[in-house]
Amino acid sequence: MDEDIRDKAYLAHADVIALNFIQDSGRYVYRRHFRNGLRSHIMEVLDAEQVRQETRGKVVAGVRLFPKATPLKMLRIFRTRLASISQALNEIVKLRVIETFLTKDQFAGSSEFIVGYQAPEGPDMLLCGLQEFVQGRKLDPWRLKSGGIFQIYPDKNAPAQQTFETQLRESAQRFVAGIKEMVLKAGYIPDIAGQRNLLVTRRGRIRLVDINNVSRLQYNDDIFIDDKGYPVCDKSIEAVALIDRYLCDGRNCTGEVLFEMFLDPDRLRAVAVLDEAFHRSLKKRMVPSF
């Protein structure tokens, strides 16, 4: 019996085109994105001709070049087994929350769809998403103190660098304000603490690319742990506060009761222990077995 696609560690092009809901025209190549998710398979959707040029090269002015194929879209295939249509729709509703409080230039938009899947055990359903590809470099909130974020595109000249810094600060202000409003009005927060969940474009725009892990905040002393063992809400609040402190001069979070509760020193220490335990567990899961 074939392995269920949701249980596979990684997918290849052949795995995707073998799916009963994918019609292979030969026009596209599906390639695993280097940032494969814990909750979903992430595949680049590439133009087949661009992939051929990437491997065989093309001659321009007598010089053979090997341009890297740029994804047209990102295909996400969720690993979660869905018990009902309602469960799938609940996941899609969380995406609508992001769309309500963030503008289109602040996240990677996605069209979610539910499909019938011929699983090895019999007919089932999958939640998938066809997402906008965002070209950018990661924003790590815990490294903002060093100021290195302003040099992530080192080829910029001095005037362009100044413009980049100004645009980044403006983008950070809008982003933090949108997340804060989402938290206070809707009670939800996306995972903005994970590796490469936030990208910065060459124009200094902050974009949220992991839009599928959205959690409801719990306003109490208990530290919420998601289904993977990660203190996602606390770490995301901490990430927002760091972006606010180093890119927005702390104007959004200072004095807010919510942030003071989540950023209490004792709570931060307890969260740090859970965060370290999660990453130890993740490393063990990532070690290949022979």
C-alpha atoms as a PDB file:
ATOM      1  CA  MET A   1       0.000   0.000   0.000  1.00  0.00           C
ATOM      2  CA  ASP A   2       1.293   3.455  -0.876  1.00  0.00           C
ATOM      3  CA  GLU A   3       2.185   5.787   1.971  1.00  0.00           C
ATOM      4  CA  ASP A   4      -0.371   8.493   2.752  1.00  0.00           C
ATOM      5  CA  ILE A   5       0.883  11.799   1.365  1.00  0.00           C
ATOM      6  CA  ARG A   6       0.235  13.453   4.728  1.00  0.00           C
ATOM      7  CA  ASP A   7       2.656  11.071   6.443  1.00  0.00           C
ATOM      8  CA  LYS A   8       5.548  11.486   4.032  1.00  0.00           C
ATOM      9  CA  ALA A   9       8.526  13.461   5.308  1.00  0.00           C
ATOM     10  CA  TYR A  10       8.991  15.158   1.925  1.00  0.00           C
ATOM     11  CA  LEU A  11       7.302  15.278  -1.457  1.00  0.00           C
ATOM     12  CA  ALA A  12       8.781  15.240  -4.945  1.00  0.00           C
ATOM     13  CA  HIS A  13       7.310  16.263  -8.292  1.00  0.00           C
ATOM     14  CA  ALA A  14       6.195  12.689  -8.961  1.00  0.00           C
ATOM     15  CA  ASP A  15       4.247  12.582  -5.686  1.00  0.00           C
ATOM     16  CA  VAL A  16       2.285  15.700  -6.579  1.00  0.00           C
ATOM     17  CA  ILE A  17       1.362  14.802 -10.159  1.00  0.00           C
ATOM     18  CA  ALA A  18       0.261  11.362  -8.939  1.00  0.00           C
ATOM     19  CA  LEU A  19      -2.469  12.952  -6.808  1.00  0.00           C
ATOM     20  CA  ASN A  20      -5.954  12.333  -8.118  1.00  0.00           C
ATOM     21  CA  PHE A  21      -6.887  16.040  -7.999  1.00  0.00           C
ATOM     22  CA  ILE A  22      -3.825  17.254  -9.938  1.00  0.00           C
ATOM     23  CA  GLN A  23      -4.106  17.342 -13.730  1.00  0.00           C
ATOM     24  CA  ASP A  24      -0.588  17.092 -15.142  1.00  0.00           C
ATOM     25  CA  SER A  25      -0.258  19.141 -18.334  1.00  0.00           C
ATOM     26  CA  GLY A  26       3.530  19.092 -18.339  1.00  0.00           C
ATOM     27  CA  ARG A  27       3.615  22.888 -18.027  1.00  0.00           C
ATOM     28  CA  TYR A  28       4.551  22.931 -14.356  1.00  0.00           C
ATOM     29  CA  VAL A  29       7.206  21.419 -12.135  1.00  0.00           C
ATOM     30  CA  TYR A  30       6.551  20.945  -8.420  1.00  0.00           C
ATOM     31  CA  ARG A  31       9.664  21.255  -6.281  1.00  0.00           C
ATOM     32  CA  ARG A  32       9.920  20.987  -2.522  1.00  0.00           C
ATOM     33  CA  HIS A  33      10.565  24.345  -0.914  1.00  0.00           C
ATOM     34  CA  PHE A  34      13.574  24.283   1.409  1.00  0.00           C
ATOM     35  CA  ARG A  35      11.307  25.385   4.267  1.00  0.00           C
ATOM     36  CA  ASN A  36       9.090  22.326   4.506  1.00  0.00           C
ATOM     37  CA  GLY A  37       6.450  22.973   7.162  1.00  0.00           C
ATOM     38  CA  LEU A  38       5.548  20.953  10.231  1.00  0.00           C
ATOM     39  CA  ARG A  39       1.872  21.384   9.385  1.00  0.00           C
ATOM     40  CA  SER A  40       1.991  21.228   5.630  1.00  0.00           C
ATOM     41  CA  HIS A  41       4.036  20.232   2.621  1.00  0.00           C
ATOM     42  CA  ILE A  42       5.251  23.344   0.826  1.00  0.00           C
ATOM     43  CA  MET A  43       5.921  22.944  -2.892  1.00  0.00           C
ATOM     44  CA  GLU A  44       7.133  25.523  -5.388  1.00  0.00           C
ATOM     45  CA  VAL A  45       5.031  25.660  -8.545  1.00  0.00           C
ATOM     46  CA  LEU A  46       7.517  26.362 -11.337  1.00  0.00           C
ATOM     47  CA  ASP A  47       7.290  26.958 -15.065  1.00  0.00           C
ATOM     48  CA  ALA A  48       8.730  23.837 -16.731  1.00  0.00           C
ATOM     49  CA  GLU A  49      10.605  25.894 -19.340  1.00  0.00           C
ATOM     50  CA  GLN A  50      12.266  27.983 -16.620  1.00  0.00           C
ATOM     51  CA  VAL A  51      13.370  24.786 -14.887  1.00  0.00           C
ATOM     52  CA  ARG A  52      14.900  23.531 -18.158  1.00  0.00           C
ATOM     53  CA  GLN A  53      16.824  26.802 -18.525  1.00  0.00           C
ATOM     54  CA  GLU A  54      17.931  26.508 -14.912  1.00  0.00           C
ATOM     55  CA  THR A  55      19.523  23.126 -15.555  1.00  0.00           C
ATOM     56  CA  ARG A  56      20.597  23.417 -19.217  1.00  0.00           C
ATOM     57  CA  GLY A  57      21.210  27.129 -19.373  1.00  0.00           C
ATOM     58  CA  LYS A  58      20.460  29.649 -22.095  1.00  0.00           C
ATOM     59  CA  VAL A  59      22.843  31.661 -24.263  1.00  0.00           C
ATOM     60  CA  VAL A  60      22.660  35.456 -23.938  1.00  0.00           C
ATOM     61  CA  ALA A  61      25.124  37.562 -25.979  1.00  0.00           C
ATOM     62  CA  GLY A  62      27.347  34.527 -26.425  1.00  0.00           C
ATOM     63  CA  VAL A  63      27.388  33.645 -22.714  1.00  0.00           C
ATOM     64  CA  ARG A  64      25.583  30.622 -21.293  1.00  0.00           C
ATOM     65  CA  LEU A  65      23.571  31.616 -18.216  1.00  0.00           C
ATOM     66  CA  PHE A  66      21.733  29.415 -15.719  1.00  0.00           C
ATOM     67  CA  PRO A  67      18.931  31.604 -14.319  1.00  0.00           C
ATOM     68  CA  LYS A  68      17.173  30.187 -11.272  1.00  0.00           C
ATOM     69  CA  ALA A  69      13.506  29.423 -11.838  1.00  0.00           C
ATOM     70  CA  THR A  70      11.206  31.710  -9.853  1.00  0.00           C
ATOM     71  CA  PRO A  71       8.094  30.114  -8.316  1.00  0.00           C
ATOM     72  CA  LEU A  72       4.801  31.133  -9.849  1.00  0.00           C
ATOM     73  CA  LYS A  73       2.936  30.050  -6.717  1.00  0.00           C
ATOM     74  CA  MET A  74       3.440  28.013  -3.569  1.00  0.00           C
ATOM     75  CA  LEU A  75       1.323  24.887  -3.146  1.00  0.00           C
ATOM     76  CA  ARG A  76       0.562  23.927   0.452  1.00  0.00           C
ATOM     77  CA  ILE A  77      -0.832  20.492   1.254  1.00  0.00           C
ATOM     78  CA  PHE A  78      -1.931  20.225   4.864  1.00  0.00           C
ATOM     79  CA  ARG A  79      -0.842  17.201   6.858  1.00  0.00           C
ATOM     80  CA  THR A  80      -3.769  17.376   9.284  1.00  0.00           C
ATOM     81  CA  ARG A  81      -6.402  14.706   8.884  1.00  0.00           C
ATOM     82  CA  LEU A  82      -9.763  16.430   8.733  1.00  0.00           C
ATOM     83  CA  ALA A  83     -12.633  14.930  10.668  1.00  0.00           C
ATOM     84  CA  SER A  84     -15.243  17.080   8.940  1.00  0.00           C
ATOM     85  CA  ILE A  85     -15.846  19.883   6.488  1.00  0.00           C
ATOM     86  CA  SER A  86     -16.452  22.135   9.500  1.00  0.00           C
ATOM     87  CA  GLN A  87     -12.900  21.555  10.707  1.00  0.00           C
ATOM     88  CA  ALA A  88     -11.520  22.518   7.305  1.00  0.00           C
ATOM     89  CA  LEU A  89     -13.705  25.620   7.132  1.00  0.00           C
ATOM     90  CA  ASN A  90     -12.550  26.635  10.612  1.00  0.00           C
ATOM     91  CA  GLU A  91      -8.969  26.663   9.345  1.00  0.00           C
ATOM     92  CA  ILE A  92      -9.998  28.828   6.399  1.00  0.00           C
ATOM     93  CA  VAL A  93     -11.826  31.236   8.727  1.00  0.00           C
ATOM     94  CA  LYS A  94      -8.528  31.878  10.527  1.00  0.00           C
ATOM     95  CA  LEU A  95      -7.057  33.038   7.221  1.00  0.00           C
ATOM     96  CA  ARG A  96      -9.982  35.431   6.834  1.00  0.00           C
ATOM     97  CA  VAL A  97      -8.973  36.950  10.198  1.00  0.00           C
ATOM     98  CA  ILE A  98      -5.557  37.809   8.785  1.00  0.00           C
ATOM     99  CA  GLU A  99      -7.163  39.305   5.689  1.00  0.00           C
ATOM    100  CA  THR A 100      -9.374  41.473   7.915  1.00  0.00           C
ATOM    101  CA  PHE A 101      -6.607  43.085   9.946  1.00  0.00           C
ATOM    102  CA  LEU A 102      -3.630  43.099   7.579  1.00  0.00           C
ATOM    103  CA  THR A 103      -3.474  44.696   4.139  1.00  0.00           C
ATOM    104  CA  LYS A 104      -2.599  42.717   1.011  1.00  0.00           C
ATOM    105  CA  ASP A 105       0.986  43.958   1.006  1.00  0.00           C
ATOM    106  CA  GLN A 106       1.526  42.630   4.551  1.00  0.00           C
ATOM    107  CA  PHE A 107       0.978  38.902   3.966  1.00  0.00           C
ATOM    108  CA  ALA A 108       1.247  36.307   1.242  1.00  0.00           C
ATOM    109  CA  GLY A 109      -2.288  35.849  -0.036  1.00  0.00           C
ATOM    110  CA  SER A 110      -3.633  32.361  -0.568  1.00  0.00           C
ATOM    111  CA  SER A 111      -6.610  30.646  -2.164  1.00  0.00           C
ATOM    112  CA  GLU A 112      -7.597  27.740   0.081  1.00  0.00           C
ATOM    113  CA  PHE A 113      -9.481  24.748  -1.305  1.00  0.00           C
ATOM    114  CA  ILE A 114     -10.789  21.419  -0.043  1.00  0.00           C
ATOM    115  CA  VAL A 115     -10.332  18.440  -2.352  1.00  0.00           C
ATOM    116  CA  GLY A 116     -11.252  14.777  -2.419  1.00  0.00           C
ATOM    117  CA  TYR A 117      -8.176  12.618  -1.856  1.00  0.00           C
ATOM    118  CA  GLN A 118      -7.845   8.955  -2.747  1.00  0.00           C
ATOM    119  CA  ALA A 119      -5.924   7.936   0.366  1.00  0.00           C
ATOM    120  CA  PRO A 120      -4.482   4.430   0.764  1.00  0.00           C
ATOM    121  CA  GLU A 121      -7.178   3.721   3.371  1.00  0.00           C
ATOM    122  CA  GLY A 122      -9.969   5.015   1.122  1.00  0.00           C
ATOM    123  CA  PRO A 123     -11.607   8.306   0.066  1.00  0.00           C
ATOM    124  CA  ASP A 124     -10.754  11.272   2.265  1.00  0.00           C
ATOM    125  CA  MET A 125     -10.357  15.024   1.969  1.00  0.00           C
ATOM    126  CA  LEU A 126      -7.411  17.395   2.035  1.00  0.00           C
ATOM    127  CA  LEU A 127      -7.087  21.084   2.743  1.00  0.00           C
ATOM    128  CA  CYS A 128      -4.720  22.807   0.326  1.00  0.00           C
ATOM    129  CA  GLY A 129      -3.689  26.335  -0.506  1.00  0.00           C
ATOM    130  CA  LEU A 130      -2.288  28.005  -3.603  1.00  0.00           C
ATOM    131  CA  GLN A 131      -0.275  30.874  -2.164  1.00  0.00           C
ATOM    132  CA  GLU A 132       1.453  33.953  -3.513  1.00  0.00           C
ATOM    133  CA  PHE A 133       5.232  33.620  -3.719  1.00  0.00           C
ATOM    134  CA  VAL A 134       7.090  36.354  -1.837  1.00  0.00           C
ATOM    135  CA  GLN A 135      10.723  37.116  -2.626  1.00  0.00           C
ATOM    136  CA  GLY A 136      12.464  38.343   0.494  1.00  0.00           C
ATOM    137  CA  ARG A 137      14.926  37.731   3.294  1.00  0.00           C
ATOM    138  CA  LYS A 138      13.998  36.605   6.775  1.00  0.00           C
ATOM    139  CA  LEU A 139      13.214  38.970   9.603  1.00  0.00           C
ATOM    140  CA  ASP A 140      14.330  37.493  12.927  1.00  0.00           C
ATOM    141  CA  PRO A 141      12.825  39.640  15.722  1.00  0.00           C
ATOM    142  CA  TRP A 142      15.417  38.355  18.207  1.00  0.00           C
ATOM    143  CA  ARG A 143      18.278  39.752  16.123  1.00  0.00           C
ATOM    144  CA  LEU A 144      16.867  43.224  15.602  1.00  0.00           C
ATOM    145  CA  LYS A 145      18.855  44.678  18.498  1.00  0.00           C
ATOM    146  CA  SER A 146      22.056  44.452  16.448  1.00  0.00           C
ATOM    147  CA  GLY A 147      20.597  46.627  13.683  1.00  0.00           C
ATOM    148  CA  GLY A 148      21.672  44.121  11.042  1.00  0.00           C
ATOM    149  CA  ILE A 149      18.215  44.111   9.484  1.00  0.00           C
ATOM    150  CA  PHE A 150      19.068  47.378   7.709  1.00  0.00           C
ATOM    151  CA  GLN A 151      21.982  45.704   5.910  1.00  0.00           C
ATOM    152  CA  ILE A 152      20.218  42.567   4.668  1.00  0.00           C
ATOM    153  CA  TYR A 153      20.483  43.914   1.117  1.00  0.00           C
ATOM    154  CA  PRO A 154      24.156  45.030   1.184  1.00  0.00           C
ATOM    155  CA  ASP A 155      24.276  45.979  -2.509  1.00  0.00           C
ATOM    156  CA  LYS A 156      22.284  49.139  -1.856  1.00  0.00           C
ATOM    157  CA  ASN A 157      24.102  52.487  -2.049  1.00  0.00           C
ATOM    158  CA  ALA A 158      23.870  55.023   0.789  1.00  0.00           C
ATOM    159  CA  PRO A 159      20.799  56.972  -0.453  1.00  0.00           C
ATOM    160  CA  ALA A 160      18.984  53.751  -1.312  1.00  0.00           C
ATOM    161  CA  GLN A 161      19.893  52.304   2.103  1.00  0.00           C
ATOM    162  CA  GLN A 162      18.363  55.331   3.822  1.00  0.00           C
ATOM    163  CA  THR A 163      15.177  54.913   1.787  1.00  0.00           C
ATOM    164  CA  PHE A 164      15.105  51.200   2.657  1.00  0.00           C
ATOM    165  CA  GLU A 165      15.415  51.961   6.371  1.00  0.00           C
ATOM    166  CA  THR A 166      12.623  54.534   6.225  1.00  0.00           C
ATOM    167  CA  GLN A 167      10.311  52.175   4.348  1.00  0.00           C
ATOM    168  CA  LEU A 168      11.119  49.308   6.721  1.00  0.00           C
ATOM    169  CA  ARG A 169      10.259  51.395   9.773  1.00  0.00           C
ATOM    170  CA  GLU A 170       7.006  52.555   8.178  1.00  0.00           C
ATOM    171  CA  SER A 171       6.136  48.986   7.230  1.00  0.00           C
ATOM    172  CA  ALA A 172       6.941  47.763  10.758  1.00  0.00           C
ATOM    173  CA  GLN A 173       4.684  50.424  12.252  1.00  0.00           C
ATOM    174  CA  ARG A 174       1.747  49.374  10.080  1.00  0.00           C
ATOM    175  CA  PHE A 175       2.413  45.678  10.668  1.00  0.00           C
ATOM    176  CA  VAL A 176       2.614  45.929  14.456  1.00  0.00           C
ATOM    177  CA  ALA A 177      -0.496  48.124  14.544  1.00  0.00           C
ATOM    178  CA  GLY A 178      -2.409  45.559  12.467  1.00  0.00           C
ATOM    179  CA  ILE A 179      -1.330  42.610  14.641  1.00  0.00           C
ATOM    180  CA  LYS A 180      -2.162  44.566  17.800  1.00  0.00           C
ATOM    181  CA  GLU A 181      -5.651  45.325  16.481  1.00  0.00           C
ATOM    182  CA  MET A 182      -6.116  41.662  15.531  1.00  0.00           C
ATOM    183  CA  VAL A 183      -5.152  40.567  19.026  1.00  0.00           C
ATOM    184  CA  LEU A 184      -7.301  43.104  20.879  1.00  0.00           C
ATOM    185  CA  LYS A 185     -10.397  42.967  18.662  1.00  0.00           C
ATOM    186  CA  ALA A 186     -10.484  39.366  17.402  1.00  0.00           C
ATOM    187  CA  GLY A 187      -8.431  37.555  20.038  1.00  0.00           C
ATOM    188  CA  TYR A 188      -6.264  35.790  17.448  1.00  0.00           C
ATOM    189  CA  ILE A 189      -2.576  35.984  16.617  1.00  0.00           C
ATOM    190  CA  PRO A 190      -0.643  34.358  13.727  1.00  0.00           C
ATOM    191  CA  ASP A 191       2.679  32.618  14.281  1.00  0.00           C
ATOM    192  CA  ILE A 192       5.189  35.371  13.618  1.00  0.00           C
ATOM    193  CA  ALA A 193       7.925  33.810  15.750  1.00  0.00           C
ATOM    194  CA  GLY A 194       8.843  30.860  13.536  1.00  0.00           C
ATOM    195  CA  GLN A 195      11.892  30.777  11.280  1.00  0.00           C
ATOM    196  CA  ARG A 196      11.245  32.730   8.056  1.00  0.00           C
ATOM    197  CA  ASN A 197       7.594  33.333   8.933  1.00  0.00           C
ATOM    198  CA  LEU A 198       8.319  37.007   8.292  1.00  0.00           C
ATOM    199  CA  LEU A 199      10.180  38.199   5.221  1.00  0.00           C
ATOM    200  CA  VAL A 200      11.502  41.638   4.258  1.00  0.00           C
ATOM    201  CA  THR A 201      11.355  42.565   0.576  1.00  0.00           C
ATOM    202  CA  ARG A 202      13.910  44.702  -1.248  1.00  0.00           C
ATOM    203  CA  ARG A 203      11.513  47.644  -0.888  1.00  0.00           C
ATOM    204  CA  GLY A 204      11.545  47.322   2.896  1.00  0.00           C
ATOM    205  CA  ARG A 205       8.121  45.728   3.226  1.00  0.00           C
ATOM    206  CA  ILE A 206       7.439  43.187   5.989  1.00  0.00           C
ATOM    207  CA  ARG A 207       5.379  40.237   4.728  1.00  0.00           C
ATOM    208  CA  LEU A 208       3.874  37.388   6.775  1.00  0.00           C
ATOM    209  CA  VAL A 209       4.217  34.193   4.751  1.00  0.00           C
ATOM    210  CA  ASP A 210       3.121  31.526   7.254  1.00  0.00           C
ATOM    211  CA  ILE A 211      -0.583  32.314   7.392  1.00  0.00           C
ATOM    212  CA  ASN A 212      -1.865  28.915   8.455  1.00  0.00           C
ATOM    213  CA  ASN A 213      -0.900  28.748  12.114  1.00  0.00           C
ATOM    214  CA  VAL A 214      -3.307  31.198  13.734  1.00  0.00           C
ATOM    215  CA  SER A 215      -4.082  30.725  17.429  1.00  0.00           C
ATOM    216  CA  ARG A 216      -6.672  32.131  19.804  1.00  0.00           C
ATOM    217  CA  LEU A 217      -5.115  33.971  22.703  1.00  0.00           C
ATOM    218  CA  GLN A 218      -5.868  32.858  26.239  1.00  0.00           C
ATOM    219  CA  TYR A 219      -5.818  35.696  28.745  1.00  0.00           C
ATOM    220  CA  ASN A 220      -4.662  33.826  31.830  1.00  0.00           C
ATOM    221  CA  ASP A 221      -1.540  32.548  33.549  1.00  0.00           C
ATOM    222  CA  ASP A 222      -1.534  29.297  31.578  1.00  0.00           C
ATOM    223  CA  ILE A 223       0.965  29.160  28.715  1.00  0.00           C
ATOM    224  CA  PHE A 224      -0.780  27.833  25.607  1.00  0.00           C
ATOM    225  CA  ILE A 225       1.088  25.048  23.823  1.00  0.00           C
ATOM    226  CA  ASP A 226       0.065  24.212  20.258  1.00  0.00           C
ATOM    227  CA  ASP A 227      -0.297  20.693  18.853  1.00  0.00           C
ATOM    228  CA  LYS A 228       3.427  20.576  18.088  1.00  0.00           C
ATOM    229  CA  GLY A 229       4.457  21.525  21.629  1.00  0.00           C
ATOM    230  CA  TYR A 230       5.364  25.140  20.843  1.00  0.00           C
ATOM    231  CA  PRO A 231       4.347  28.141  23.025  1.00  0.00           C
ATOM    232  CA  VAL A 232       3.223  29.919  19.889  1.00  0.00           C
ATOM    233  CA  CYS A 233       1.068  32.683  21.377  1.00  0.00           C
ATOM    234  CA  ASP A 234       3.648  33.836  23.907  1.00  0.00           C
ATOM    235  CA  LYS A 235       6.525  33.740  21.423  1.00  0.00           C
ATOM    236  CA  SER A 236       4.472  35.640  18.840  1.00  0.00           C
ATOM    237  CA  ILE A 237       3.573  38.351  21.359  1.00  0.00           C
ATOM    238  CA  GLU A 238       7.254  38.571  22.265  1.00  0.00           C
ATOM    239  CA  ALA A 239       8.158  38.885  18.575  1.00  0.00           C
ATOM    240  CA  VAL A 240       5.644  41.724  18.095  1.00  0.00           C
ATOM    241  CA  ALA A 241       7.093  43.552  21.094  1.00  0.00           C
ATOM    242  CA  LEU A 242      10.646  43.198  19.756  1.00  0.00           C
ATOM    243  CA  ILE A 243       9.663  44.553  16.332  1.00  0.00           C
ATOM    244  CA  ASP A 244       7.874  47.421  18.068  1.00  0.00           C
ATOM    245  CA  ARG A 245      10.867  48.182  20.314  1.00  0.00           C
ATOM    246  CA  TYR A 246      13.563  48.178  17.653  1.00  0.00           C
ATOM    247  CA  LEU A 247      11.708  49.358  14.547  1.00  0.00           C
ATOM    248  CA  CYS A 248       8.865  51.479  15.967  1.00  0.00           C
ATOM    249  CA  ASP A 249      10.444  52.997  19.113  1.00  0.00           C
ATOM    250  CA  GLY A 250       8.059  50.999  21.336  1.00  0.00           C
ATOM    251  CA  ARG A 251       5.099  53.237  20.602  1.00  0.00           C
ATOM    252  CA  ASN A 252       2.538  50.434  20.184  1.00  0.00           C
ATOM    253  CA  CYS A 253       3.067  47.954  23.020  1.00  0.00           C
ATOM    254  CA  THR A 254       4.263  50.096  25.926  1.00  0.00           C
ATOM    255  CA  GLY A 255       1.614  50.421  28.639  1.00  0.00           C
ATOM    256  CA  GLU A 256      -0.738  47.829  27.114  1.00  0.00           C
ATOM    257  CA  VAL A 257      -2.062  45.469  29.799  1.00  0.00           C
ATOM    258  CA  LEU A 258      -2.045  42.525  27.377  1.00  0.00           C
ATOM    259  CA  PHE A 259       1.627  42.934  26.521  1.00  0.00           C
ATOM    260  CA  GLU A 260       2.617  43.541  30.137  1.00  0.00           C
ATOM    261  CA  MET A 261       0.952  40.240  31.097  1.00  0.00           C
ATOM    262  CA  PHE A 262       2.661  38.214  28.360  1.00  0.00           C
ATOM    263  CA  LEU A 263       6.009  39.960  28.801  1.00  0.00           C
ATOM    264  CA  ASP A 264       6.209  39.521  32.558  1.00  0.00           C
ATOM    265  CA  PRO A 265       9.811  38.406  33.333  1.00  0.00           C
ATOM    266  CA  ASP A 266       8.739  35.256  35.198  1.00  0.00           C
ATOM    267  CA  ARG A 267       6.443  34.260  32.339  1.00  0.00           C
ATOM    268  CA  LEU A 268       9.171  34.927  29.764  1.00  0.00           C
ATOM    269  CA  ARG A 269      11.532  32.609  31.652  1.00  0.00           C
ATOM    270  CA  ALA A 270       8.905  29.863  31.758  1.00  0.00           C
ATOM    271  CA  VAL A 271       8.231  30.291  28.031  1.00  0.00           C
ATOM    272  CA  ALA A 272      11.970  30.125  27.291  1.00  0.00           C
ATOM    273  CA  VAL A 273      12.118  26.693  28.965  1.00  0.00           C
ATOM    274  CA  LEU A 274       9.221  25.434  26.836  1.00  0.00           C
ATOM    275  CA  ASP A 275      10.761  26.941  23.696  1.00  0.00           C
ATOM    276  CA  GLU A 276      14.067  25.199  24.345  1.00  0.00           C
ATOM    277  CA  ALA A 277      12.290  21.868  24.961  1.00  0.00           C
ATOM    278  CA  PHE A 278      10.386  22.257  21.679  1.00  0.00           C
ATOM    279  CA  HIS A 279      13.558  22.832  19.664  1.00  0.00           C
ATOM    280  CA  ARG A 280      15.297  19.870  21.316  1.00  0.00           C
ATOM    281  CA  SER A 281      12.341  17.709  20.356  1.00  0.00           C
ATOM    282  CA  LEU A 282      12.359  19.131  16.828  1.00  0.00           C
ATOM    283  CA  LYS A 283      16.036  18.280  16.357  1.00  0.00           C
ATOM    284  CA  LYS A 284      15.358  14.693  17.401  1.00  0.00           C
ATOM    285  CA  ARG A 285      12.510  14.439  14.888  1.00  0.00           C
ATOM    286  CA  MET A 286      14.736  15.833  12.142  1.00  0.00           C
ATOM    287  CA  VAL A 287      17.529  13.284  12.704  1.00  0.00           C
ATOM    288  CA  PRO A 288      17.295  10.681   9.886  1.00  0.00           C
ATOM    289  CA  SER A 289      16.982   7.050  10.881  1.00  0.00           C
ATOM    290  CA  PHE A 290      19.130   4.433   9.140  1.00  0.00           C
END
